[in-house]
Protein backbone atom coordinates (compact mmCIF):
# COMPACT_ATOMS: atom_id res chain seq x y z
CA MET A 1 0.00 0.00 0.00
CA LYS A 2 2.75 2.42 0.96
CA LYS A 3 4.61 1.58 -2.24
CA ALA A 4 1.50 2.20 -4.35
CA LEU A 5 0.88 5.54 -2.66
CA PHE A 6 4.51 6.53 -3.20
CA VAL A 7 4.33 5.64 -6.91
CA LEU A 8 1.08 7.58 -7.29
CA PHE A 9 2.56 10.58 -5.50
CA PHE A 10 5.70 10.36 -7.61
CA VAL A 11 3.80 10.26 -10.92
CA LEU A 12 1.45 13.07 -9.93
CA SER A 13 4.39 15.18 -8.81
CA LEU A 14 6.25 14.69 -12.08
CA ASN A 15 3.16 15.61 -14.05
CA THR A 16 2.68 18.69 -11.92
CA LEU A 17 6.24 19.87 -12.44
CA GLY A 18 6.22 18.92 -16.10
CA LEU A 19 9.64 17.25 -15.82
CA ALA A 20 8.85 13.76 -17.09
CA GLN A 21 7.43 15.02 -20.39
CA ASN A 22 10.32 17.35 -21.29
CA LEU A 23 12.92 15.42 -23.24
CA VAL A 24 15.15 18.49 -23.57
CA PHE A 25 15.22 18.95 -19.82
CA ASN A 26 16.00 15.25 -19.29
CA GLN A 27 18.83 15.46 -21.82
CA LEU A 28 20.30 18.53 -20.14
CA PHE A 29 20.16 17.11 -16.66
CA ALA A 30 21.75 13.83 -17.83
CA LEU A 31 24.69 15.96 -18.98
CA VAL A 32 24.76 17.74 -15.61
CA GLU A 33 24.97 14.36 -13.86
CA GLN A 34 27.93 13.49 -16.11
CA LYS A 35 29.55 16.83 -15.16
CA ASN A 36 29.67 17.73 -18.85
CA PHE A 37 28.73 21.34 -18.25
CA PHE A 38 30.18 22.40 -21.60
CA LYS A 39 27.63 20.40 -23.62
CA THR A 40 24.94 21.35 -21.11
CA LYS A 41 25.61 25.02 -21.86
CA GLU A 42 25.82 24.48 -25.64
CA ILE A 43 22.54 22.57 -25.85
CA TYR A 44 20.79 24.88 -23.38
CA GLU A 45 21.58 27.95 -25.50
CA LEU A 46 20.16 26.20 -28.55
CA LYS A 47 17.04 24.73 -26.94
CA LYS A 48 16.18 26.93 -23.96
CA LYS A 49 13.04 28.11 -25.75
CA ASP A 50 11.70 24.55 -25.43
CA LEU A 51 11.89 24.75 -21.62
CA SER A 52 9.52 26.37 -19.19
CA ALA A 53 10.76 29.36 -17.19
CA ARG A 54 11.00 27.12 -14.12
CA ASP A 55 13.08 24.48 -15.93
CA GLN A 56 15.34 27.17 -17.39
CA GLN A 57 15.98 28.42 -13.86
CA LEU A 58 16.83 24.93 -12.66
CA ILE A 59 19.38 24.30 -15.42
CA GLU A 60 20.89 27.77 -15.00
CA VAL A 61 21.74 26.95 -11.37
CA PHE A 62 24.19 24.31 -12.52
CA ILE A 63 25.55 26.28 -15.48
CA ASP A 64 26.17 29.41 -13.40
CA ASN A 65 27.88 27.43 -10.66
CA ALA A 66 30.04 25.42 -13.09
CA PHE A 67 31.26 28.54 -14.87
CA ASN A 68 32.01 30.29 -11.59
CA HIS A 69 29.24 32.89 -11.71
CA PRO A 70 26.64 31.75 -9.18
CA GLU A 71 26.03 35.35 -8.19
CA SER A 72 24.66 36.18 -11.65
CA ARG A 73 21.14 35.31 -10.56
CA THR A 74 19.19 35.61 -7.33
CA ARG A 75 18.46 32.11 -6.05
CA GLU A 76 18.22 32.55 -2.34
CA SER A 77 14.52 32.11 -1.79
CA ALA A 78 13.44 29.19 0.38
CA ASN A 79 10.84 28.17 -2.20
CA PHE A 80 13.48 27.82 -4.91
CA PHE A 81 15.74 25.81 -2.62
CA ARG A 82 12.85 23.45 -1.90
CA ARG A 83 12.15 23.03 -5.61
CA ILE A 84 15.80 22.10 -6.20
CA THR A 85 15.73 19.56 -3.37
CA ILE A 86 12.45 17.98 -4.52
CA PHE A 87 13.74 17.90 -8.08
CA LEU A 88 16.91 16.05 -7.10
CA ILE A 89 15.05 13.53 -4.98
CA ARG A 90 12.53 12.80 -7.73
CA TYR A 91 15.32 12.07 -10.13
CA SER A 92 16.49 9.35 -7.73
CA LEU A 93 19.98 10.73 -7.28
CA HIS A 94 22.05 9.07 -4.58
CA TYR A 95 21.55 10.87 -1.27
CA THR A 96 25.20 11.88 -1.02
CA GLU A 97 25.08 13.24 -4.57
CA GLN A 98 22.05 15.33 -3.66
CA LYS A 99 24.01 16.89 -0.81
CA ARG A 100 27.03 17.47 -3.01
CA ILE A 101 25.14 19.20 -5.81
CA ILE A 102 23.04 21.30 -3.47
CA ALA A 103 26.07 22.36 -1.46
CA ALA A 104 28.10 23.16 -4.57
CA SER A 105 25.25 25.13 -6.13
CA PHE A 106 24.37 27.17 -3.06
CA SER A 107 27.64 27.63 -1.21
CA ASN A 108 28.50 30.72 -3.26
CA ILE A 109 24.95 31.94 -3.63
CA LYS A 110 24.39 32.30 0.09
CA LYS A 111 27.61 34.33 0.32
CA GLN A 112 28.63 32.66 3.54
CA LYS A 113 32.11 33.43 4.76
CA MET A 114 32.90 29.74 5.01
CA LEU A 115 30.65 26.76 4.45
CA PRO A 116 31.97 23.58 6.07
CA VAL A 117 29.58 20.95 4.70
CA PRO A 118 29.46 17.74 6.79
CA LEU A 119 31.32 14.98 5.02
CA SER A 120 29.24 12.04 3.85
CA GLN A 121 30.40 8.67 5.16
CA HIS A 122 29.88 7.37 1.64
CA SER A 123 31.48 9.94 -0.65
CA ASN A 124 33.76 11.76 1.82
CA THR A 125 33.68 14.79 -0.46
CA CYS A 126 35.18 17.96 0.98
CA LEU A 127 33.09 21.03 0.18
CA LEU A 128 34.78 23.91 2.00
CA ARG A 129 34.63 27.29 0.29
CA GLU A 130 37.28 29.72 1.45
CA LYS A 131 35.12 32.83 1.68
CA ARG A 132 37.30 34.62 4.17
CA MET A 133 40.50 34.17 2.20
CA LYS A 134 41.82 37.38 0.67
CA CYS A 135 44.58 38.00 -1.86
CA ARG A 136 46.18 41.42 -2.23
CA ILE A 137 47.69 41.92 -5.69
CA ILE A 138 49.25 45.37 -6.05
CA TYR A 139 51.15 44.85 -9.29
CA LYS A 140 52.24 42.15 -11.71
CA ASN A 141 54.10 39.32 -10.01
CA CYS A 142 56.67 37.15 -11.76
CA ILE A 143 57.87 34.21 -9.68
CA LYS A 144 60.43 31.65 -10.79
CA MET A 145 59.18 28.11 -10.18
CA GLU A 146 61.55 25.36 -9.08
CA LYS A 147 61.42 21.70 -10.12
CA ASP A 148 61.53 19.23 -7.26
CA LYS A 149 62.94 15.72 -7.22
CA ALA A 150 59.78 14.37 -8.87
CA GLY A 151 59.91 17.03 -11.61
CA LEU A 152 56.90 18.96 -10.26
CA ASN A 153 56.68 22.75 -10.23
CA ASN A 154 57.18 24.32 -6.79
CA LEU A 155 56.53 27.85 -5.52
CA LYS A 156 58.05 29.37 -2.41
CA ILE A 157 55.54 30.12 0.33
CA THR A 158 56.76 32.52 3.02
CA SER A 159 55.37 33.24 6.45
CA GLU A 160 56.74 35.28 9.30
CA LYS A 161 58.57 32.19 10.54
CA ASP A 162 59.80 30.26 7.50
CA THR A 163 59.97 29.75 3.72
CA ILE A 164 58.99 26.39 2.24
CA ASN A 165 58.44 25.03 -1.29
CA PHE A 166 54.86 24.04 -2.13
CA ILE A 167 53.78 22.17 -5.26
CA PHE A 168 51.54 24.18 -7.61
CA ASP A 169 48.60 21.90 -8.44
CA THR A 170 45.28 22.89 -10.04
CA GLY A 171 44.14 19.30 -9.60
CA ALA A 172 44.14 19.61 -5.81
CA ASN A 173 40.65 20.48 -4.53
CA PHE A 174 42.24 21.98 -1.46
CA SER A 175 45.61 23.27 -0.47
CA THR A 176 47.33 20.57 1.55
CA THR A 177 50.29 20.43 3.88
CA THR A 178 51.98 18.15 6.37
CA LEU A 179 51.60 18.50 10.12
CA SER A 180 55.23 19.52 10.60
CA THR A 181 54.99 22.15 7.85
CA ALA A 182 51.78 23.59 9.31
CA LYS A 183 53.61 24.09 12.57
CA ARG A 184 56.63 25.64 10.84
CA LEU A 185 54.36 28.18 9.10
CA ASN A 186 52.51 28.96 12.34
CA MET A 187 49.14 27.75 11.06
CA ASN A 188 46.18 27.42 13.40
CA ILE A 189 45.37 23.70 13.43
CA ILE A 190 41.73 22.65 13.83
CA PRO A 191 41.64 19.13 15.32
CA VAL A 192 38.91 17.47 13.24
CA ASP A 193 38.93 14.05 11.59
CA ILE A 194 38.34 14.13 7.83
CA GLU A 195 38.64 11.32 5.32
CA VAL A 196 40.11 12.55 2.04
CA SER A 197 39.94 10.60 -1.22
CA THR A 198 43.17 10.24 -3.18
CA ILE A 199 43.78 9.67 -6.90
CA THR A 200 44.01 5.92 -6.28
CA GLY A 201 40.55 5.83 -4.71
CA GLU A 202 42.00 5.20 -1.26
CA THR A 203 41.33 7.50 1.70
CA VAL A 204 43.67 9.14 4.21
CA GLN A 205 42.94 10.95 7.46
CA ALA A 206 43.36 14.72 7.62
CA GLN A 207 42.80 17.72 9.87
CA LEU A 208 42.25 21.36 8.94
CA ALA A 209 44.41 24.42 9.46
CA VAL A 210 44.11 28.14 8.75
CA CYS A 211 47.20 30.09 7.72
CA PRO A 212 46.63 33.66 8.99
CA MET A 213 49.11 35.18 6.53
CA MET A 214 51.44 33.86 3.88
CA TYR A 215 53.18 35.39 0.88
CA LEU A 216 53.48 34.14 -2.67
CA GLY A 217 56.09 36.46 -4.08
CA LYS A 218 54.73 39.91 -3.16
CA ILE A 219 51.13 38.67 -3.00
CA GLU A 220 49.55 38.66 0.45
CA ILE A 221 47.25 35.70 1.09
CA LYS A 222 45.20 35.89 4.27
CA ASN A 223 43.27 33.12 6.02
CA SER A 224 43.87 30.32 3.54
CA ILE A 225 42.59 26.89 4.59
CA PHE A 226 44.70 23.73 4.36
CA LEU A 227 44.06 20.06 4.75
CA VAL A 228 46.73 18.74 7.12
CA LEU A 229 48.09 15.20 6.70
CA ASP A 230 50.62 13.30 8.74
CA ASP A 231 54.06 13.71 7.19
CA LYS A 232 54.08 10.09 6.05
CA GLY A 233 50.85 10.73 4.10
CA LEU A 234 52.83 12.88 1.66
CA SER A 235 55.98 10.81 1.80
CA PHE A 236 57.26 8.50 -0.95
CA PRO A 237 60.12 6.55 0.64
CA GLN A 238 60.62 4.39 -2.45
CA ILE A 239 62.15 7.43 -4.17
CA ASP A 240 63.23 9.30 -1.00
CA TYR A 241 60.73 12.08 -1.74
CA GLN A 242 58.76 14.24 0.70
CA ILE A 243 56.03 16.75 -0.21
CA TYR A 244 55.79 19.63 2.26
CA GLY A 245 52.70 21.28 0.85
CA ILE A 246 50.45 21.72 -2.18
CA LEU A 247 48.83 24.95 -3.35
CA GLY A 248 45.39 23.83 -4.48
CA PHE A 249 42.49 25.30 -6.37
CA PRO A 250 41.00 27.73 -3.79
CA VAL A 251 44.26 29.71 -3.53
CA ILE A 252 44.82 29.60 -7.29
CA GLU A 253 41.25 30.75 -8.01
CA ALA A 254 41.64 33.70 -5.65
CA LEU A 255 44.48 35.00 -7.84
CA ARG A 256 41.90 35.43 -10.67
CA GLU A 257 44.41 34.78 -13.46
CA ILE A 258 47.75 33.02 -13.65
CA GLN A 259 50.17 32.59 -16.53
CA ILE A 260 52.82 29.89 -16.71
CA GLY A 261 55.62 29.96 -19.25
CA ARG A 262 57.89 27.23 -20.47
CA ASP A 263 60.69 29.39 -19.08
CA GLY A 264 59.50 28.37 -15.61
CA TYR A 265 57.93 31.66 -14.54
CA PHE A 266 54.63 31.87 -12.68
CA VAL A 267 52.97 35.21 -13.51
CA VAL A 268 50.01 36.85 -11.77
CA PRO A 269 49.03 39.90 -13.87
CA LYS A 270 47.45 43.01 -12.41
CA GLU A 271 44.99 43.21 -15.36
CA GLU A 272 43.19 40.15 -16.72
CA THR A 273 43.61 38.89 -20.31
CA GLU A 274 40.78 39.65 -22.74
CA ILE A 275 39.41 36.76 -24.80
CA THR A 276 36.48 36.40 -27.21
CA SER A 277 36.26 32.62 -27.58
CA GLN A 278 33.89 30.36 -25.62
CA SER A 279 34.80 29.18 -22.12
CA ASN A 280 36.72 25.92 -22.21
CA MET A 281 37.06 25.66 -18.43
CA ALA A 282 34.37 24.83 -15.89
CA MET A 283 34.27 23.76 -12.26
CA ASN A 284 33.06 20.48 -10.83
CA GLY A 285 32.88 21.56 -7.21
CA LEU A 286 36.48 22.60 -6.59
CA THR A 287 37.99 20.69 -9.53
CA PRO A 288 38.79 22.48 -12.82
CA LEU A 289 37.54 20.82 -16.00
CA ILE A 290 38.83 21.42 -19.53
CA TYR A 291 36.92 20.75 -22.76
CA ILE A 292 38.95 19.13 -25.55
CA ASP A 293 37.66 17.35 -28.67
CA GLY A 294 34.11 17.33 -27.31
CA MET A 295 35.20 15.57 -24.11
CA HIS A 296 35.54 16.92 -20.58
CA PHE A 297 38.65 16.16 -18.53
CA THR A 298 39.91 17.21 -15.14
CA PHE A 299 42.85 19.60 -15.48
CA ASP A 300 45.79 18.92 -13.21
CA THR A 301 49.03 20.91 -13.44
CA GLY A 302 50.40 18.76 -10.63
CA ALA A 303 50.18 15.57 -12.71
CA ASP A 304 53.19 14.68 -14.81
CA GLN A 305 51.23 12.49 -17.23
CA THR A 306 47.77 12.52 -18.80
CA ILE A 307 45.53 9.62 -17.74
CA LEU A 308 42.41 8.33 -19.50
CA TYR A 309 39.50 6.83 -17.55
CA ASN A 310 36.71 4.30 -17.88
CA MET A 311 34.41 6.62 -19.86
CA TYR A 312 37.02 6.96 -22.62
CA TYR A 313 37.56 3.20 -22.58
CA LYS A 314 33.84 2.44 -22.93
CA GLU A 315 33.39 4.77 -25.91
CA ASN A 316 36.51 3.45 -27.69
CA LYS A 317 36.55 -0.14 -26.43
CA GLU A 318 36.66 -1.88 -29.81
CA GLU A 319 39.53 0.24 -31.13
CA ILE A 320 41.54 -0.02 -27.89
CA GLU A 321 41.18 -3.79 -27.51
CA GLY A 322 42.06 -4.27 -31.17
CA SER A 323 45.20 -2.13 -31.01
CA TYR A 324 46.66 -2.61 -27.53
CA LYS A 325 47.38 -5.37 -25.05
CA SER A 326 45.88 -5.20 -21.58
CA GLU A 327 48.40 -4.69 -18.76
CA LYS A 328 48.72 -3.40 -15.22
CA VAL A 329 49.14 0.36 -14.75
CA SER A 330 50.24 2.00 -11.52
CA LEU A 331 49.01 5.23 -9.94
CA ALA A 332 50.65 6.94 -6.97
CA GLY A 333 49.10 9.48 -4.63
CA ALA A 334 48.82 10.41 -0.98
CA GLY A 335 48.74 7.13 0.90
CA GLY A 336 50.88 5.19 -1.61
CA ALA A 337 50.63 3.50 -4.99
CA LYS A 338 48.11 1.06 -6.44
CA GLU A 339 47.86 -1.05 -9.60
CA PHE A 340 44.86 -1.20 -11.94
CA ASP A 341 43.88 -3.12 -15.08
CA GLY A 342 44.39 -0.98 -18.15
CA TYR A 343 46.35 -0.15 -21.27
CA ILE A 344 49.24 2.04 -22.40
CA ILE A 345 48.09 3.88 -25.51
CA SER A 346 48.84 6.79 -27.85
CA LYS A 347 46.37 9.53 -28.69
CA ASP A 348 46.11 12.83 -30.59
CA PHE A 349 44.51 15.84 -28.91
CA HIS A 350 43.43 18.95 -30.80
CA VAL A 351 44.09 22.10 -28.79
CA MET A 352 44.11 25.70 -30.05
CA ASP A 353 44.27 24.57 -33.72
CA LYS A 354 47.28 22.39 -32.91
CA THR A 355 47.49 18.59 -32.90
CA ILE A 356 49.26 17.21 -29.85
CA SER A 357 50.37 13.58 -30.09
CA LEU A 358 50.91 11.88 -26.74
CA THR A 359 52.38 8.43 -26.23
CA ASP A 360 52.53 6.12 -23.23
CA ILE A 361 49.19 7.36 -21.88
CA GLN A 362 47.82 5.25 -19.03
CA LEU A 363 44.23 4.16 -19.70
CA LEU A 364 42.29 2.67 -16.80
CA LYS A 365 39.78 0.00 -17.76
CA ASP A 366 37.55 0.31 -14.69
CA LYS A 367 36.38 3.24 -12.59
CA ILE A 368 38.65 4.02 -9.65
CA LYS A 369 36.01 6.17 -7.94
CA GLU A 370 32.28 5.59 -7.76
CA ASP A 371 31.47 9.16 -8.84
CA GLU A 372 33.93 9.23 -11.76
CA THR A 373 32.28 11.00 -14.72
CA VAL A 374 35.10 12.49 -16.82
CA TYR A 375 37.11 11.09 -19.71
CA GLY A 376 40.43 11.48 -17.97
CA ASN A 377 42.90 13.89 -16.44
CA ILE A 378 45.08 16.27 -18.47
CA GLY A 379 48.64 16.58 -17.18
CA GLN A 380 51.96 18.24 -17.89
CA ASP A 381 52.78 16.07 -20.92
CA LEU A 382 50.13 18.03 -22.86
CA ILE A 383 50.61 21.38 -21.11
CA LYS A 384 54.35 21.56 -21.78
CA GLN A 385 53.77 21.31 -25.54
CA PHE A 386 53.01 25.05 -25.46
CA PRO A 387 55.33 27.95 -24.54
CA LYS A 388 52.70 29.63 -22.35
CA MET A 389 49.48 28.75 -20.55
CA THR A 390 46.90 31.17 -19.09
CA LEU A 391 44.22 30.15 -16.59
CA ASN A 392 41.51 32.71 -15.93
CA PHE A 393 39.00 31.94 -13.16
CA ASP A 394 36.83 34.98 -13.85
CA ARG A 395 36.13 34.53 -17.58
CA MET A 396 36.72 30.77 -17.17
CA PHE A 397 39.19 29.88 -19.88
CA ILE A 398 42.43 27.98 -20.31
CA ARG A 399 44.49 29.44 -23.11
CA PHE A 400 47.62 27.94 -24.69
CA ASP A 401 49.96 30.18 -26.68
């Protein structure tokens, strides 16, 4: 009886909202679930006239948030929030995914100084937004990056007490440091227990810390938030390598625009670059996405090599299995290394009217995370093919020159 009543209520509700009968809306939201905000935006601009005003508003929530402009519309009313919640539930999204999307969509809109969203025991997704962090950029900053033992780009972070090299990594959702480094930089440690997912799908324990003031070149950065791991969590004894800290997306976004040259300089301009082309960068929560060849990838300047994921494998399965032999591939991250079934392949990417041929790309046959929705992760092997790269978090573009 209860089941019958629920089904009746569900059907009546869908008819009332007009969601079940709108194929365009269903197509758009399927793309939102896949985190392909680029195609969502393209199709929405072409077919928005086929949507009701209410459905347009719903889709625009996700587009505005993905392209870093959630403030472009007023969405703070309780009634609208309830409609979003009901909408997500009726589309049978996993409970943790409902929380993630709602939190990501509304964390900026509510203009809270900081929104610590409780971590789900299932997804363990961190959703902090560093609202109190401030960057003071007086003039153009040119900072020479240094390569560490692993070949990753490092920037010097200075506090009143010390100067330490941190890895520059757009693929890091949060800035991260070790416990000993947090103490050296006089950070205020918040003793909470957080489980953080790593690239291998494993989890490690972390705390939080706030750095009251640090300097990146001449740029003042106040109240930046860090995940704090035990030193061994960022240690790789097999190659005698220790990471002291990682500058992640929230700090990088606050700089508005950064430019990185093949000459090894990290530039933060005083005035942003003008561009007329469409946005090719979007945000999935705190993770940058890049759009290449009609596919969406995470964009990770801290990764040495590009990696392709299960979605790419599924769409190209016949070609891959006919051209390559299956083998074990290894990924390393915080917490250690892990092997997966996959392939080593070659692929051409088309970026800025240039064909980039990459070899020895690791392709993972199976998903390594339950919520994996992208085609892969773009790393330094593609980035370094160009003399200069610009990332703009206001106009939302990644430009290669």
